Amino acid sequence: MASDVLRWGVVGTGGIARAFVEDLATTTSGRVVAVGSRSRDAAEHFADAFGIAHRHGSYASLVEDPEVEAVYVATPHPMHHPNCLAALRAGKAVLVEKPFTMDATEARELVATARAHGVFLMEAMWTRFLPHIVAIRRLLDEGALGRIVSVHADHGQWFAYDPRHRLFAPELGGGALLDLGIYVVSFASMVLGKPDRVLALADATATGVDSQTSILLGYASGAQAVLTCTLLARSPNRAAIVGTEARVEIDGVFYAPTSYSVIRRDGETTRVENQHRQPGRGFRHEADEVARCVRAGLLESSQMPLDETLAIMETMDAVRSARRGA
């Protein structure tokens, strides 16, 4: 293994961990060398499936493995904070799945710990690093859309109701907002920053977690963001950024590799087809960014900075507070 290949350890053996490992195999920036689970059998099974040499029957053992340089935290939401904290204290670079933590208080502790220990930390919002989002951010930086008036995004998936499933279990951080809403809130943050007004409306499942949440964010600039997320149905999963000179309409599924259109005020339209040419779902791009940052000695990514992650978690807290007061 070349010395510049980042050596990853994976915490968790669920579906998102599998997807990340499969995508990592399509890039040369990193390789998985270890996996950790609460169950030794689960770690062995996962390692066998992907040819991973080091198998750990505890998360603590994984983060102490000297072969591991970077840790990917892919456990259920409530475990992000303790798993990430252990990895940071062990001096490992960390990529932690979204939502970053359960709330802003936990997020602030992780960021403070990473900065105190001089260790790289990033939220795994893989959408930020996809080709179509990189191109759209360039348009925003160039002012091609004019003054931004509004952002629209929805994320809806259908899940059969099962109180034992993590999406419906409060103890596992269930609910539409944390699992799906993080994408639309992060998208609005990328375009408009942190809101100064938050309105929300939600409906609950039988277990008490939200089945769907609708969000209206207001900004000092006068812009607004209209966001929705639901566990009850598969929605269009599209997004749009509307400016005074032009708008961008992103095809479904907006947060995954896809195409988009730029539509000027006079109706002239430029169509940009999906530029993701590599195999895999697109997780490789965030892994490449972590490897680039770690090898460059950076402690965070300018594309998904820690202060923005904190602001997003504060917005998520404000959404929950607003819907309780509705």
Protein backbone atom coordinates (compact mmCIF):
# COMPACT_ATOMS: atom_id res chain seq x y z
CA MET A 1 0.00 0.00 0.00
CA ALA A 2 1.43 3.37 -1.05
CA SER A 3 2.36 5.66 1.83
CA ASP A 4 -0.09 8.34 0.69
CA VAL A 5 -3.08 5.99 0.73
CA LEU A 6 -5.20 6.84 3.79
CA ARG A 7 -5.83 3.83 6.01
CA TRP A 8 -9.46 3.75 7.16
CA GLY A 9 -11.16 2.04 10.06
CA VAL A 10 -14.94 1.70 9.88
CA VAL A 11 -17.10 1.93 13.00
CA GLY A 12 -20.37 0.13 12.35
CA THR A 13 -21.43 -2.58 9.93
CA GLY A 14 -24.82 -1.37 8.64
CA GLY A 15 -25.97 -0.43 5.17
CA ILE A 16 -24.28 2.98 5.03
CA ALA A 17 -20.97 1.44 6.14
CA ARG A 18 -21.24 -1.13 3.36
CA ALA A 19 -21.96 1.56 0.77
CA PHE A 20 -18.97 3.62 1.92
CA VAL A 21 -16.60 0.66 1.80
CA GLU A 22 -17.84 -0.35 -1.65
CA ASP A 23 -17.31 3.18 -2.97
CA LEU A 24 -13.91 3.51 -1.32
CA ALA A 25 -12.79 0.53 -3.39
CA THR A 26 -13.34 2.64 -6.53
CA THR A 27 -10.76 5.28 -5.57
CA THR A 28 -7.02 5.21 -4.92
CA SER A 29 -7.05 7.77 -2.09
CA GLY A 30 -7.80 5.29 0.71
CA ARG A 31 -8.34 1.71 1.75
CA VAL A 32 -10.25 0.12 4.61
CA VAL A 33 -7.86 -1.77 6.88
CA ALA A 34 -10.08 -2.36 9.92
CA VAL A 35 -13.68 -2.66 11.01
CA GLY A 36 -15.22 -2.47 14.48
CA SER A 37 -18.58 -3.56 15.83
CA ARG A 38 -20.20 -4.20 19.20
CA SER A 39 -20.30 -7.83 18.06
CA ARG A 40 -17.17 -9.74 17.10
CA ASP A 41 -19.28 -11.94 14.80
CA ALA A 42 -20.65 -8.90 12.97
CA ALA A 43 -17.14 -7.51 12.53
CA GLU A 44 -15.88 -10.85 11.21
CA HIS A 45 -18.78 -11.18 8.77
CA PHE A 46 -18.30 -7.62 7.46
CA ALA A 47 -14.53 -8.06 7.18
CA ASP A 48 -14.91 -11.33 5.30
CA ALA A 49 -17.30 -9.72 2.84
CA PHE A 50 -14.84 -6.94 1.98
CA GLY A 51 -11.46 -8.55 2.59
CA ILE A 52 -10.62 -6.38 5.60
CA ALA A 53 -7.63 -7.58 7.62
CA HIS A 54 -8.30 -6.19 11.10
CA ARG A 55 -11.53 -7.12 12.90
CA HIS A 56 -12.52 -5.62 16.24
CA GLY A 57 -15.30 -6.72 18.58
CA SER A 58 -15.59 -3.25 20.11
CA TYR A 59 -15.49 0.33 18.90
CA ALA A 60 -12.84 1.15 21.53
CA SER A 61 -10.51 -1.46 20.10
CA LEU A 62 -10.98 -0.16 16.57
CA VAL A 63 -10.01 3.44 17.39
CA GLU A 64 -6.87 2.24 19.19
CA ASP A 65 -5.69 0.15 16.21
CA PRO A 66 -2.27 1.58 15.19
CA GLU A 67 -2.92 0.67 11.54
CA VAL A 68 -5.90 3.04 11.40
CA GLU A 69 -5.30 6.67 10.42
CA ALA A 70 -8.88 7.78 9.82
CA VAL A 71 -12.15 6.57 11.30
CA TYR A 72 -15.49 6.54 9.50
CA VAL A 73 -18.32 6.61 12.06
CA ALA A 74 -21.40 4.88 10.62
CA THR A 75 -23.34 3.90 13.73
CA PRO A 76 -26.91 5.04 14.58
CA HIS A 77 -27.28 8.76 15.29
CA PRO A 78 -27.12 8.62 19.12
CA MET A 79 -23.78 6.79 18.90
CA HIS A 80 -22.07 9.41 16.75
CA HIS A 81 -21.05 11.54 19.72
CA PRO A 82 -19.40 8.84 21.89
CA ASN A 83 -17.85 7.01 18.93
CA CYS A 84 -16.45 10.18 17.44
CA LEU A 85 -15.20 11.43 20.80
CA ALA A 86 -13.27 8.19 21.37
CA ALA A 87 -11.68 8.36 17.93
CA LEU A 88 -10.65 12.00 18.32
CA ARG A 89 -9.12 11.33 21.72
CA ALA A 90 -7.16 8.47 20.12
CA GLY A 91 -5.71 10.96 17.65
CA LYS A 92 -7.56 9.66 14.58
CA ALA A 93 -8.98 11.77 11.79
CA VAL A 94 -12.76 11.36 11.77
CA LEU A 95 -15.50 11.39 9.16
CA VAL A 96 -18.83 11.10 10.97
CA GLU A 97 -22.14 10.33 9.29
CA LYS A 98 -24.93 12.86 9.14
CA PRO A 99 -26.59 14.10 11.18
CA PHE A 100 -23.32 15.02 12.85
CA THR A 101 -24.81 14.51 16.32
CA MET A 102 -28.20 14.45 18.00
CA ASP A 103 -28.04 18.15 18.88
CA ALA A 104 -25.82 21.22 18.85
CA THR A 105 -24.53 20.65 22.39
CA GLU A 106 -22.99 17.33 21.37
CA ALA A 107 -21.68 18.90 18.17
CA ARG A 108 -19.90 21.69 20.02
CA GLU A 109 -18.11 19.16 22.24
CA LEU A 110 -16.87 17.19 19.25
CA VAL A 111 -15.60 20.29 17.46
CA ALA A 112 -13.90 21.57 20.62
CA THR A 113 -12.25 18.18 21.16
CA ALA A 114 -11.00 17.98 17.57
CA ARG A 115 -9.53 21.46 17.77
CA ALA A 116 -7.97 20.85 21.19
CA HIS A 117 -6.31 17.66 19.95
CA GLY A 118 -5.35 19.08 16.56
CA VAL A 119 -7.22 16.30 14.72
CA PHE A 120 -9.16 16.42 11.45
CA LEU A 121 -12.96 16.19 11.73
CA MET A 122 -15.70 16.41 9.10
CA GLU A 123 -19.42 15.69 8.76
CA ALA A 124 -20.07 13.10 6.04
CA MET A 125 -22.43 15.25 3.97
CA TRP A 126 -21.33 13.53 0.78
CA THR A 127 -23.57 15.72 -1.38
CA ARG A 128 -21.20 18.67 -0.95
CA PHE A 129 -18.48 16.92 -2.95
CA LEU A 130 -20.51 15.64 -5.91
CA PRO A 131 -19.70 17.12 -9.34
CA HIS A 132 -23.08 18.81 -9.87
CA ILE A 133 -22.99 20.51 -6.46
CA VAL A 134 -19.38 21.65 -6.98
CA ALA A 135 -20.43 23.19 -10.31
CA ILE A 136 -23.50 24.86 -8.79
CA ARG A 137 -21.44 26.32 -5.96
CA ARG A 138 -19.16 27.80 -8.62
CA LEU A 139 -22.18 29.51 -10.21
CA LEU A 140 -23.14 30.91 -6.81
CA ASP A 141 -19.61 32.18 -6.17
CA GLU A 142 -19.59 33.87 -9.58
CA GLY A 143 -22.94 35.55 -8.89
CA ALA A 144 -24.44 33.99 -12.03
CA LEU A 145 -27.88 33.66 -10.42
CA GLY A 146 -28.00 37.23 -9.14
CA ARG A 147 -29.36 37.87 -5.64
CA ILE A 148 -30.73 34.66 -4.18
CA VAL A 149 -34.43 34.94 -3.42
CA SER A 150 -35.35 31.42 -2.34
CA VAL A 151 -34.23 27.82 -1.95
CA HIS A 152 -36.57 24.85 -2.32
CA ALA A 153 -35.73 21.24 -1.46
CA ASP A 154 -37.60 18.10 -0.50
CA HIS A 155 -36.54 14.67 0.67
CA GLY A 156 -39.19 12.01 0.97
CA GLN A 157 -38.85 8.22 1.17
CA TRP A 158 -41.43 5.53 1.90
CA PHE A 159 -40.75 3.24 4.85
CA ALA A 160 -43.11 0.56 6.09
CA TYR A 161 -44.00 1.34 9.68
CA ASP A 162 -42.05 -0.81 12.12
CA PRO A 163 -41.53 0.49 15.68
CA ARG A 164 -38.32 -1.58 15.92
CA HIS A 165 -36.76 -0.02 12.83
CA ARG A 166 -34.23 2.71 13.60
CA LEU A 167 -36.22 5.29 11.63
CA PHE A 168 -39.19 4.88 13.98
CA ALA A 169 -37.32 4.21 17.23
CA PRO A 170 -36.73 7.30 19.43
CA GLU A 171 -33.80 5.62 21.20
CA LEU A 172 -32.05 5.24 17.82
CA GLY A 173 -32.59 8.84 16.76
CA GLY A 174 -35.54 8.05 14.48
CA GLY A 175 -37.72 10.46 12.58
CA ALA A 176 -37.82 12.21 9.22
CA LEU A 177 -35.95 15.35 10.32
CA LEU A 178 -32.75 13.74 11.58
CA ASP A 179 -32.46 11.13 8.85
CA LEU A 180 -33.84 12.93 5.78
CA GLY A 181 -34.29 16.55 6.80
CA ILE A 182 -30.57 16.97 7.40
CA TYR A 183 -30.08 16.91 3.63
CA VAL A 184 -32.48 19.76 2.89
CA VAL A 185 -31.34 21.87 5.86
CA SER A 186 -27.69 21.40 4.84
CA PHE A 187 -28.54 22.33 1.25
CA ALA A 188 -30.17 25.57 2.37
CA SER A 189 -27.19 26.29 4.61
CA MET A 190 -24.80 25.80 1.69
CA VAL A 191 -26.65 28.46 -0.30
CA LEU A 192 -27.88 30.95 2.29
CA GLY A 193 -25.99 30.28 5.52
CA LYS A 194 -27.65 30.31 8.93
CA PRO A 195 -31.25 31.57 9.13
CA ASP A 196 -32.47 34.14 11.63
CA ARG A 197 -36.09 32.90 11.58
CA VAL A 198 -37.32 29.31 11.79
CA LEU A 199 -40.88 28.04 11.40
CA ALA A 200 -41.84 24.36 11.33
CA LEU A 201 -44.80 22.01 11.26
CA ALA A 202 -44.58 18.28 11.97
CA ASP A 203 -46.70 15.16 12.39
CA ALA A 204 -45.69 12.30 14.65
CA THR A 205 -45.67 8.53 14.26
CA ALA A 206 -47.09 6.19 16.90
CA THR A 207 -43.64 6.00 18.49
CA GLY A 208 -43.43 9.78 18.84
CA VAL A 209 -40.78 10.55 16.21
CA ASP A 210 -41.78 12.83 13.33
CA SER A 211 -43.23 11.20 10.22
CA GLN A 212 -42.85 14.40 8.27
CA THR A 213 -41.65 17.92 8.90
CA SER A 214 -42.06 21.08 6.81
CA ILE A 215 -39.67 23.96 7.41
CA LEU A 216 -39.64 27.64 6.48
CA LEU A 217 -36.38 29.49 7.05
CA GLY A 218 -35.94 33.25 6.85
CA TYR A 219 -32.70 35.16 6.32
CA ALA A 220 -31.51 38.69 6.97
CA SER A 221 -31.03 39.14 3.21
CA GLY A 222 -34.77 38.67 2.70
CA ALA A 223 -34.32 35.23 1.17
CA GLN A 224 -36.40 32.25 2.27
CA ALA A 225 -35.96 28.48 2.19
CA VAL A 226 -38.92 26.11 1.85
CA LEU A 227 -37.95 22.58 2.89
CA THR A 228 -39.82 19.32 3.46
CA CYS A 229 -38.99 15.79 4.56
CA THR A 230 -41.18 12.73 5.05
CA LEU A 231 -41.02 9.03 5.84
CA LEU A 232 -44.49 8.45 4.40
CA ALA A 233 -43.93 8.63 0.63
CA ARG A 234 -41.31 8.97 -2.05
CA SER A 235 -41.38 12.62 -3.07
CA PRO A 236 -39.79 14.20 -6.19
CA ASN A 237 -36.54 14.72 -4.22
CA ARG A 238 -35.68 17.79 -6.26
CA ALA A 239 -34.13 21.11 -5.31
CA ALA A 240 -34.01 24.62 -6.75
CA ILE A 241 -32.09 27.81 -6.12
CA VAL A 242 -33.93 30.91 -7.34
CA GLY A 243 -32.08 34.14 -8.06
CA THR A 244 -32.98 37.47 -9.60
CA GLU A 245 -31.02 36.69 -12.79
CA ALA A 246 -31.49 32.93 -13.09
CA ARG A 247 -32.49 29.80 -11.23
CA VAL A 248 -30.99 26.33 -10.92
CA GLU A 249 -33.30 23.33 -10.96
CA ILE A 250 -31.70 20.09 -9.76
CA ASP A 251 -33.24 16.82 -10.88
CA GLY A 252 -34.21 14.10 -8.44
CA VAL A 253 -32.46 12.75 -6.54
CA PHE A 254 -30.88 16.16 -5.84
CA TYR A 255 -28.49 14.98 -3.11
CA ALA A 256 -27.02 12.14 -5.24
CA PRO A 257 -25.19 12.33 -8.60
CA THR A 258 -27.68 13.87 -11.05
CA SER A 259 -28.29 16.52 -13.72
CA TYR A 260 -29.48 20.11 -13.47
CA SER A 261 -30.66 23.05 -15.54
CA VAL A 262 -29.79 26.75 -15.37
CA ILE A 263 -32.77 28.84 -16.49
CA ARG A 264 -32.21 32.54 -17.08
CA ARG A 265 -34.82 35.18 -16.39
CA ASP A 266 -35.55 35.44 -20.14
CA GLY A 267 -36.16 31.68 -20.32
CA GLU A 268 -32.87 30.68 -21.95
CA THR A 269 -31.99 27.26 -20.54
CA THR A 270 -28.67 25.47 -20.20
CA ARG A 271 -28.89 21.76 -19.46
CA VAL A 272 -25.98 20.06 -17.63
CA GLU A 273 -26.11 16.28 -17.61
CA ASN A 274 -24.82 14.09 -14.78
CA GLN A 275 -21.04 14.47 -14.61
CA HIS A 276 -20.45 11.59 -12.19
CA ARG A 277 -18.55 9.12 -14.37
CA GLN A 278 -16.99 6.85 -11.75
CA PRO A 279 -18.58 3.64 -10.50
CA GLY A 280 -20.32 3.67 -7.13
CA ARG A 281 -22.92 5.88 -5.50
CA GLY A 282 -20.71 8.94 -5.04
CA PHE A 283 -19.32 8.50 -1.53
CA ARG A 284 -15.80 8.32 -2.94
CA HIS A 285 -15.71 12.10 -3.35
CA GLU A 286 -15.99 12.81 0.38
CA ALA A 287 -13.39 10.11 1.09
CA ASP A 288 -11.04 11.77 -1.41
CA GLU A 289 -11.57 15.10 0.36
CA VAL A 290 -10.70 13.62 3.75
CA ALA A 291 -7.53 12.06 2.31
CA ARG A 292 -6.57 15.35 0.65
CA CYS A 293 -7.06 17.33 3.85
CA VAL A 294 -5.24 14.83 6.09
CA ARG A 295 -2.25 14.60 3.75
CA ALA A 296 -2.13 18.40 3.54
CA GLY A 297 -2.18 18.72 7.34
CA LEU A 298 -5.57 20.44 7.36
CA LEU A 299 -7.89 20.05 10.36
CA GLU A 300 -11.13 20.64 8.46
CA SER A 301 -12.50 20.92 4.95
CA SER A 302 -13.33 24.30 3.44
CA GLN A 303 -16.22 22.59 1.60
CA MET A 304 -17.84 21.28 4.81
CA PRO A 305 -16.32 23.43 7.57
CA LEU A 306 -16.94 22.70 11.22
CA ASP A 307 -18.46 26.10 12.00
CA GLU A 308 -21.08 25.44 9.34
CA THR A 309 -21.78 21.98 10.74
CA LEU A 310 -22.35 23.62 14.13
CA ALA A 311 -24.69 26.18 12.56
CA ILE A 312 -26.64 23.41 10.82
CA MET A 313 -27.08 21.51 14.09
CA GLU A 314 -28.28 24.73 15.75
CA THR A 315 -30.83 25.14 12.95
CA MET A 316 -31.96 21.53 13.41
CA ASP A 317 -32.46 22.23 17.13
CA ALA A 318 -34.43 25.37 16.25
CA VAL A 319 -36.65 23.37 13.88
CA ARG A 320 -37.47 20.85 16.62
CA SER A 321 -38.18 23.67 19.05
CA ALA A 322 -40.39 25.47 16.51
CA ARG A 323 -42.48 22.42 15.68
CA ARG A 324 -43.05 21.69 19.38
CA GLY A 325 -44.38 25.20 19.77
CA ALA A 326 -46.68 24.98 16.76
